[in-house]
């Protein structure tokens, strides 16, 4: 889901991909930016970059939490137990 948001919003916004590991976020951001360049390069006003979560938290006006779909069920199931 995060990739989908990034690819749609980069047309008009600066997008930052975060992760606990900056290198993982940077790798994802580079891949997303490559896709964006191949699809909407002529219309793109933003860019996609990545870093660690703590570094990015203060940069954003809006933060979106996007987790893998497989993790959603696990999280929801554990909440029912409380």
PDB file of N, CA and C in Angstrom:
ATOM      1  N   UNK A   1       0.817  -1.189   0.000  1.00  0.00           N
ATOM      2  CA  UNK A   1       0.000   0.000   0.000  1.00  0.00           C
ATOM      3  C   UNK A   1       0.861   1.253   0.000  1.00  0.00           C
ATOM      4  N   UNK A   2       1.960   1.208   0.732  1.00  0.00           N
ATOM      5  CA  UNK A   2       2.833   2.375   0.792  1.00  0.00           C
ATOM      6  C   UNK A   2       3.394   2.750  -0.568  1.00  0.00           C
ATOM      7  N   UNK A   3       3.760   1.753  -1.332  1.00  0.00           N
ATOM      8  CA  UNK A   3       4.276   2.015  -2.678  1.00  0.00           C
ATOM      9  C   UNK A   3       3.201   2.677  -3.536  1.00  0.00           C
ATOM     10  N   UNK A   4       1.982   2.196  -3.438  1.00  0.00           N
ATOM     11  CA  UNK A   4       0.879   2.784  -4.205  1.00  0.00           C
ATOM     12  C   UNK A   4       0.654   4.241  -3.848  1.00  0.00           C
ATOM     13  N   UNK A   5       0.674   4.549  -2.551  1.00  0.00           N
ATOM     14  CA  UNK A   5       0.541   5.948  -2.123  1.00  0.00           C
ATOM     15  C   UNK A   5       1.680   6.786  -2.700  1.00  0.00           C
ATOM     16  N   UNK A   6       2.900   6.305  -2.543  1.00  0.00           N
ATOM     17  CA  UNK A   6       4.067   7.058  -3.002  1.00  0.00           C
ATOM     18  C   UNK A   6       3.998   7.346  -4.495  1.00  0.00           C
ATOM     19  N   UNK A   7       3.647   6.341  -5.282  1.00  0.00           N
ATOM     20  CA  UNK A   7       3.620   6.521  -6.735  1.00  0.00           C
ATOM     21  C   UNK A   7       2.516   7.471  -7.183  1.00  0.00           C
ATOM     22  N   UNK A   8       1.436   7.522  -6.461  1.00  0.00           N
ATOM     23  CA  UNK A   8       0.363   8.448  -6.824  1.00  0.00           C
ATOM     24  C   UNK A   8       0.645   9.869  -6.347  1.00  0.00           C
ATOM     25  N   UNK A   9       1.201  10.008  -5.166  1.00  0.00           N
ATOM     26  CA  UNK A   9       1.390  11.337  -4.582  1.00  0.00           C
ATOM     27  C   UNK A   9       2.657  12.042  -5.038  1.00  0.00           C
ATOM     28  N   UNK A  10       3.640  11.305  -5.577  1.00  0.00           N
ATOM     29  CA  UNK A  10       4.885  11.940  -5.996  1.00  0.00           C
ATOM     30  C   UNK A  10       4.666  12.906  -7.158  1.00  0.00           C
ATOM     31  N   UNK A  11       3.570  12.788  -7.838  1.00  0.00           N
ATOM     32  CA  UNK A  11       3.287  13.718  -8.936  1.00  0.00           C
ATOM     33  C   UNK A  11       3.304  15.167  -8.442  1.00  0.00           C
ATOM     34  N   UNK A  12       2.889  15.379  -7.181  1.00  0.00           N
ATOM     35  CA  UNK A  12       2.785  16.748  -6.663  1.00  0.00           C
ATOM     36  C   UNK A  12       3.433  16.963  -5.301  1.00  0.00           C
ATOM     37  N   UNK A  13       4.050  15.928  -4.722  1.00  0.00           N
ATOM     38  CA  UNK A  13       4.549  16.048  -3.356  1.00  0.00           C
ATOM     39  C   UNK A  13       5.911  15.388  -3.183  1.00  0.00           C
ATOM     40  N   UNK A  14       6.645  15.856  -2.185  1.00  0.00           N
ATOM     41  CA  UNK A  14       7.869  15.195  -1.756  1.00  0.00           C
ATOM     42  C   UNK A  14       7.444  14.023  -0.877  1.00  0.00           C
ATOM     43  N   UNK A  15       7.946  12.837  -1.179  1.00  0.00           N
ATOM     44  CA  UNK A  15       7.573  11.631  -0.455  1.00  0.00           C
ATOM     45  C   UNK A  15       8.814  11.061   0.229  1.00  0.00           C
ATOM     46  N   UNK A  16       8.666  10.717   1.493  1.00  0.00           N
ATOM     47  CA  UNK A  16       9.762  10.116   2.244  1.00  0.00           C
ATOM     48  C   UNK A  16       9.327   8.748   2.738  1.00  0.00           C
ATOM     49  N   UNK A  17      10.108   7.749   2.407  1.00  0.00           N
ATOM     50  CA  UNK A  17       9.857   6.386   2.833  1.00  0.00           C
ATOM     51  C   UNK A  17      10.711   6.132   4.075  1.00  0.00           C
ATOM     52  N   UNK A  18      10.079   5.661   5.134  1.00  0.00           N
ATOM     53  CA  UNK A  18      10.809   5.401   6.364  1.00  0.00           C
ATOM     54  C   UNK A  18      10.870   3.922   6.697  1.00  0.00           C
ATOM     55  N   UNK A  19      11.876   3.570   7.460  1.00  0.00           N
ATOM     56  CA  UNK A  19      12.048   2.218   7.957  1.00  0.00           C
ATOM     57  C   UNK A  19      12.935   2.298   9.194  1.00  0.00           C
ATOM     58  N   UNK A  20      12.964   1.227   9.972  1.00  0.00           N
ATOM     59  CA  UNK A  20      13.896   1.213  11.107  1.00  0.00           C
ATOM     60  C   UNK A  20      15.330   1.274  10.611  1.00  0.00           C
ATOM     61  N   UNK A  21      15.564   0.746   9.409  1.00  0.00           N
ATOM     62  CA  UNK A  21      16.891   0.751   8.796  1.00  0.00           C
ATOM     63  C   UNK A  21      16.890   1.704   7.607  1.00  0.00           C
ATOM     64  N   UNK A  22      17.735   2.734   7.675  1.00  0.00           N
ATOM     65  CA  UNK A  22      17.794   3.736   6.608  1.00  0.00           C
ATOM     66  C   UNK A  22      18.105   3.103   5.254  1.00  0.00           C
ATOM     67  N   UNK A  23      18.983   2.112   5.224  1.00  0.00           N
ATOM     68  CA  UNK A  23      19.359   1.492   3.951  1.00  0.00           C
ATOM     69  C   UNK A  23      18.170   0.779   3.303  1.00  0.00           C
ATOM     70  N   UNK A  24      17.330   0.159   4.107  1.00  0.00           N
ATOM     71  CA  UNK A  24      16.139  -0.509   3.586  1.00  0.00           C
ATOM     72  C   UNK A  24      15.165   0.515   2.993  1.00  0.00           C
ATOM     73  N   UNK A  25      14.988   1.632   3.679  1.00  0.00           N
ATOM     74  CA  UNK A  25      14.096   2.686   3.184  1.00  0.00           C
ATOM     75  C   UNK A  25      14.635   3.302   1.902  1.00  0.00           C
ATOM     76  N   UNK A  26      15.938   3.516   1.857  1.00  0.00           N
ATOM     77  CA  UNK A  26      16.558   4.108   0.672  1.00  0.00           C
ATOM     78  C   UNK A  26      16.417   3.179  -0.533  1.00  0.00           C
ATOM     79  N   UNK A  27      16.601   1.889  -0.329  1.00  0.00           N
ATOM     80  CA  UNK A  27      16.447   0.926  -1.414  1.00  0.00           C
ATOM     81  C   UNK A  27      15.019   0.942  -1.955  1.00  0.00           C
ATOM     82  N   UNK A  28      14.042   0.947  -1.053  1.00  0.00           N
ATOM     83  CA  UNK A  28      12.635   1.003  -1.482  1.00  0.00           C
ATOM     84  C   UNK A  28      12.345   2.315  -2.202  1.00  0.00           C
ATOM     85  N   UNK A  29      12.821   3.419  -1.653  1.00  0.00           N
ATOM     86  CA  UNK A  29      12.580   4.729  -2.273  1.00  0.00           C
ATOM     87  C   UNK A  29      13.183   4.798  -3.674  1.00  0.00           C
ATOM     88  N   UNK A  30      14.381   4.277  -3.845  1.00  0.00           N
ATOM     89  CA  UNK A  30      15.018   4.271  -5.165  1.00  0.00           C
ATOM     90  C   UNK A  30      14.198   3.456  -6.165  1.00  0.00           C
ATOM     91  N   UNK A  31      13.692   2.309  -5.726  1.00  0.00           N
ATOM     92  CA  UNK A  31      12.875   1.471  -6.613  1.00  0.00           C
ATOM     93  C   UNK A  31      11.576   2.187  -6.978  1.00  0.00           C
ATOM     94  N   UNK A  32      10.936   2.816  -6.008  1.00  0.00           N
ATOM     95  CA  UNK A  32       9.686   3.539  -6.269  1.00  0.00           C
ATOM     96  C   UNK A  32       9.948   4.715  -7.220  1.00  0.00           C
ATOM     97  N   UNK A  33      11.055   5.424  -6.993  1.00  0.00           N
ATOM     98  CA  UNK A  33      11.378   6.569  -7.840  1.00  0.00           C
ATOM     99  C   UNK A  33      11.658   6.126  -9.266  1.00  0.00           C
ATOM    100  N   UNK A  34      12.296   4.989  -9.426  1.00  0.00           N
ATOM    101  CA  UNK A  34      12.551   4.450 -10.763  1.00  0.00           C
ATOM    102  C   UNK A  34      11.235   4.163 -11.476  1.00  0.00           C
ATOM    103  N   UNK A  35      10.291   3.568 -10.762  1.00  0.00           N
ATOM    104  CA  UNK A  35       8.976   3.300 -11.347  1.00  0.00           C
ATOM    105  C   UNK A  35       8.281   4.603 -11.706  1.00  0.00           C
ATOM    106  N   UNK A  36       8.309   5.562 -10.794  1.00  0.00           N
ATOM    107  CA  UNK A  36       7.660   6.851 -11.053  1.00  0.00           C
ATOM    108  C   UNK A  36       8.272   7.535 -12.276  1.00  0.00           C
ATOM    109  N   UNK A  37       9.590   7.498 -12.387  1.00  0.00           N
ATOM    110  CA  UNK A  37      10.262   8.112 -13.541  1.00  0.00           C
ATOM    111  C   UNK A  37       9.847   7.470 -14.857  1.00  0.00           C
ATOM    112  N   UNK A  38       9.591   6.170 -14.828  1.00  0.00           N
ATOM    113  CA  UNK A  38       9.224   5.491 -16.068  1.00  0.00           C
ATOM    114  C   UNK A  38       7.757   5.694 -16.435  1.00  0.00           C
ATOM    115  N   UNK A  39       6.938   6.100 -15.460  1.00  0.00           N
ATOM    116  CA  UNK A  39       5.502   6.229 -15.717  1.00  0.00           C
ATOM    117  C   UNK A  39       5.049   7.684 -15.835  1.00  0.00           C
ATOM    118  N   UNK A  40       5.497   8.553 -14.929  1.00  0.00           N
ATOM    119  CA  UNK A  40       4.969   9.921 -14.907  1.00  0.00           C
ATOM    120  C   UNK A  40       6.044  10.997 -14.912  1.00  0.00           C
ATOM    121  N   UNK A  41       7.220  10.705 -15.380  1.00  0.00           N
ATOM    122  CA  UNK A  41       8.354  11.627 -15.283  1.00  0.00           C
ATOM    123  C   UNK A  41       8.030  13.037 -15.759  1.00  0.00           C
ATOM    124  N   UNK A  42       7.346  13.161 -16.865  1.00  0.00           N
ATOM    125  CA  UNK A  42       7.081  14.495 -17.420  1.00  0.00           C
ATOM    126  C   UNK A  42       6.101  15.301 -16.573  1.00  0.00           C
ATOM    127  N   UNK A  43       5.296  14.635 -15.761  1.00  0.00           N
ATOM    128  CA  UNK A  43       4.298  15.312 -14.933  1.00  0.00           C
ATOM    129  C   UNK A  43       4.713  15.406 -13.467  1.00  0.00           C
ATOM    130  N   UNK A  44       5.845  14.849 -13.112  1.00  0.00           N
ATOM    131  CA  UNK A  44       6.233  14.711 -11.712  1.00  0.00           C
ATOM    132  C   UNK A  44       6.856  15.998 -11.176  1.00  0.00           C
ATOM    133  N   UNK A  45       6.285  16.502 -10.071  1.00  0.00           N
ATOM    134  CA  UNK A  45       6.808  17.689  -9.404  1.00  0.00           C
ATOM    135  C   UNK A  45       7.560  17.326  -8.127  1.00  0.00           C
ATOM    136  N   UNK A  46       7.346  16.121  -7.616  1.00  0.00           N
ATOM    137  CA  UNK A  46       7.968  15.700  -6.366  1.00  0.00           C
ATOM    138  C   UNK A  46       9.093  14.716  -6.598  1.00  0.00           C
ATOM    139  N   UNK A  47       9.523  14.109  -5.491  1.00  0.00           N
ATOM    140  CA  UNK A  47      10.541  13.067  -5.542  1.00  0.00           C
ATOM    141  C   UNK A  47      10.282  12.119  -4.381  1.00  0.00           C
ATOM    142  N   UNK A  48      10.916  10.960  -4.432  1.00  0.00           N
ATOM    143  CA  UNK A  48      10.787   9.965  -3.370  1.00  0.00           C
ATOM    144  C   UNK A  48      12.177   9.691  -2.818  1.00  0.00           C
ATOM    145  N   UNK A  49      12.313   9.815  -1.508  1.00  0.00           N
ATOM    146  CA  UNK A  49      13.586   9.547  -0.849  1.00  0.00           C
ATOM    147  C   UNK A  49      13.307   8.709   0.391  1.00  0.00           C
ATOM    148  N   UNK A  50      14.331   8.111   0.960  1.00  0.00           N
ATOM    149  CA  UNK A  50      14.139   7.254   2.118  1.00  0.00           C
ATOM    150  C   UNK A  50      15.206   7.430   3.172  1.00  0.00           C
ATOM    151  N   UNK A  51      14.821   7.178   4.418  1.00  0.00           N
ATOM    152  CA  UNK A  51      15.748   7.235   5.537  1.00  0.00           C
ATOM    153  C   UNK A  51      15.124   6.509   6.724  1.00  0.00           C
ATOM    154  N   UNK A  52      15.776   6.581   7.874  1.00  0.00           N
ATOM    155  CA  UNK A  52      15.223   5.926   9.056  1.00  0.00           C
ATOM    156  C   UNK A  52      14.035   6.722   9.606  1.00  0.00           C
ATOM    157  N   UNK A  53      13.143   6.029  10.279  1.00  0.00           N
ATOM    158  CA  UNK A  53      11.909   6.631  10.785  1.00  0.00           C
ATOM    159  C   UNK A  53      12.158   7.854  11.656  1.00  0.00           C
ATOM    160  N   UNK A  54      13.101   7.760  12.579  1.00  0.00           N
ATOM    161  CA  UNK A  54      13.359   8.866  13.510  1.00  0.00           C
ATOM    162  C   UNK A  54      13.801  10.129  12.774  1.00  0.00           C
ATOM    163  N   UNK A  55      14.617   9.982  11.761  1.00  0.00           N
ATOM    164  CA  UNK A  55      15.092  11.137  10.997  1.00  0.00           C
ATOM    165  C   UNK A  55      13.974  11.801  10.211  1.00  0.00           C
ATOM    166  N   UNK A  56      13.034  11.017   9.735  1.00  0.00           N
ATOM    167  CA  UNK A  56      11.969  11.542   8.883  1.00  0.00           C
ATOM    168  C   UNK A  56      10.784  12.110   9.647  1.00  0.00           C
ATOM    169  N   UNK A  57      10.581  11.682  10.865  1.00  0.00           N
ATOM    170  CA  UNK A  57       9.386  12.070  11.621  1.00  0.00           C
ATOM    171  C   UNK A  57       9.221  13.581  11.716  1.00  0.00           C
ATOM    172  N   UNK A  58      10.284  14.306  11.867  1.00  0.00           N
ATOM    173  CA  UNK A  58      10.191  15.757  11.982  1.00  0.00           C
ATOM    174  C   UNK A  58      10.064  16.491  10.669  1.00  0.00           C
ATOM    175  N   UNK A  59      10.264  15.830   9.551  1.00  0.00           N
ATOM    176  CA  UNK A  59      10.204  16.482   8.241  1.00  0.00           C
ATOM    177  C   UNK A  59       8.805  16.575   7.651  1.00  0.00           C
ATOM    178  N   UNK A  60       7.933  15.689   8.076  1.00  0.00           N
ATOM    179  CA  UNK A  60       6.651  15.521   7.385  1.00  0.00           C
ATOM    180  C   UNK A  60       5.532  16.354   7.987  1.00  0.00           C
ATOM    181  N   UNK A  61       4.653  16.831   7.113  1.00  0.00           N
ATOM    182  CA  UNK A  61       3.416  17.460   7.549  1.00  0.00           C
ATOM    183  C   UNK A  61       2.370  16.389   7.849  1.00  0.00           C
ATOM    184  N   UNK A  62       2.465  15.284   7.129  1.00  0.00           N
ATOM    185  CA  UNK A  62       1.530  14.169   7.278  1.00  0.00           C
ATOM    186  C   UNK A  62       2.339  12.876   7.310  1.00  0.00           C
ATOM    187  N   UNK A  63       2.002  11.992   8.233  1.00  0.00           N
ATOM    188  CA  UNK A  63       2.646  10.676   8.303  1.00  0.00           C
ATOM    189  C   UNK A  63       1.598   9.608   8.030  1.00  0.00           C
ATOM    190  N   UNK A  64       1.935   8.672   7.174  1.00  0.00           N
ATOM    191  CA  UNK A  64       1.062   7.550   6.846  1.00  0.00           C
ATOM    192  C   UNK A  64       1.756   6.279   7.309  1.00  0.00           C
ATOM    193  N   UNK A  65       1.074   5.489   8.108  1.00  0.00           N
ATOM    194  CA  UNK A  65       1.618   4.199   8.523  1.00  0.00           C
ATOM    195  C   UNK A  65       1.082   3.142   7.570  1.00  0.00           C
ATOM    196  N   UNK A  66       1.979   2.505   6.875  1.00  0.00           N
ATOM    197  CA  UNK A  66       1.607   1.446   5.943  1.00  0.00           C
ATOM    198  C   UNK A  66       2.425   0.219   6.297  1.00  0.00           C
ATOM    199  N   UNK A  67       1.737  -0.852   6.636  1.00  0.00           N
ATOM    200  CA  UNK A  67       2.414  -2.090   7.006  1.00  0.00           C
ATOM    201  C   UNK A  67       2.003  -3.190   6.035  1.00  0.00           C
ATOM    202  N   UNK A  68       2.820  -4.229   5.907  1.00  0.00           N
ATOM    203  CA  UNK A  68       2.474  -5.329   4.999  1.00  0.00           C
ATOM    204  C   UNK A  68       1.118  -5.947   5.354  1.00  0.00           C
ATOM    205  N   UNK A  69       0.368  -6.302   4.347  1.00  0.00           N
ATOM    206  CA  UNK A  69      -0.963  -6.873   4.534  1.00  0.00           C
ATOM    207  C   UNK A  69      -0.940  -8.072   5.477  1.00  0.00           C
ATOM    208  N   UNK A  70       0.061  -8.918   5.332  1.00  0.00           N
ATOM    209  CA  UNK A  70       0.155 -10.105   6.189  1.00  0.00           C
ATOM    210  C   UNK A  70       0.243  -9.741   7.666  1.00  0.00           C
ATOM    211  N   UNK A  71       0.781  -8.592   7.979  1.00  0.00           N
ATOM    212  CA  UNK A  71       0.916  -8.157   9.371  1.00  0.00           C
ATOM    213  C   UNK A  71      -0.380  -7.596   9.930  1.00  0.00           C
ATOM    214  N   UNK A  72      -1.277  -7.165   9.091  1.00  0.00           N
ATOM    215  CA  UNK A  72      -2.526  -6.564   9.554  1.00  0.00           C
ATOM    216  C   UNK A  72      -3.373  -7.580  10.302  1.00  0.00           C
ATOM    217  N   UNK A  73      -3.536  -8.755   9.752  1.00  0.00           N
ATOM    218  CA  UNK A  73      -4.346  -9.777  10.408  1.00  0.00           C
ATOM    219  C   UNK A  73      -3.769 -10.138  11.764  1.00  0.00           C
ATOM    220  N   UNK A  74      -2.475 -10.306  11.830  1.00  0.00           N
ATOM    221  CA  UNK A  74      -1.814 -10.648  13.081  1.00  0.00           C
ATOM    222  C   UNK A  74      -2.058  -9.560  14.131  1.00  0.00           C
ATOM    223  N   UNK A  75      -1.936  -8.307  13.731  1.00  0.00           N
ATOM    224  CA  UNK A  75      -2.138  -7.189  14.655  1.00  0.00           C
ATOM    225  C   UNK A  75      -3.577  -7.132  15.124  1.00  0.00           C
ATOM    226  N   UNK A  76      -4.520  -7.286  14.214  1.00  0.00           N
ATOM    227  CA  UNK A  76      -5.931  -7.234  14.586  1.00  0.00           C
ATOM    228  C   UNK A  76      -6.312  -8.402  15.497  1.00  0.00           C
ATOM    229  N   UNK A  77      -5.785  -9.558  15.214  1.00  0.00           N
ATOM    230  CA  UNK A  77      -6.099 -10.739  16.047  1.00  0.00           C
ATOM    231  C   UNK A  77      -5.588 -10.556  17.459  1.00  0.00           C
ATOM    232  N   UNK A  78      -4.399 -10.010  17.618  1.00  0.00           N
ATOM    233  CA  UNK A  78      -3.844  -9.847  18.957  1.00  0.00           C
ATOM    234  C   UNK A  78      -4.579  -8.769  19.735  1.00  0.00           C
ATOM    235  N   UNK A  79      -5.205  -7.833  19.064  1.00  0.00           N
ATOM    236  CA  UNK A  79      -5.959  -6.792  19.745  1.00  0.00           C
ATOM    237  C   UNK A  79      -7.259  -7.349  20.332  1.00  0.00           C
ATOM    238  N   UNK A  80      -7.805  -8.388  19.735  1.00  0.00           N
ATOM    239  CA  UNK A  80      -9.043  -8.984  20.239  1.00  0.00           C
ATOM    240  C   UNK A  80      -8.829  -9.644  21.596  1.00  0.00           C
ATOM    241  N   UNK A  81      -7.596 -10.030  21.858  1.00  0.00           N
ATOM    242  CA  UNK A  81      -7.286 -10.708  23.116  1.00  0.00           C
ATOM    243  C   UNK A  81      -7.213  -9.742  24.294  1.00  0.00           C
ATOM    244  N   UNK A  82      -7.230  -8.442  24.035  1.00  0.00           N
ATOM    245  CA  UNK A  82      -7.064  -7.469  25.118  1.00  0.00           C
ATOM    246  C   UNK A  82      -8.360  -6.801  25.467  1.00  0.00           C
TER     247      UNK A  82
END
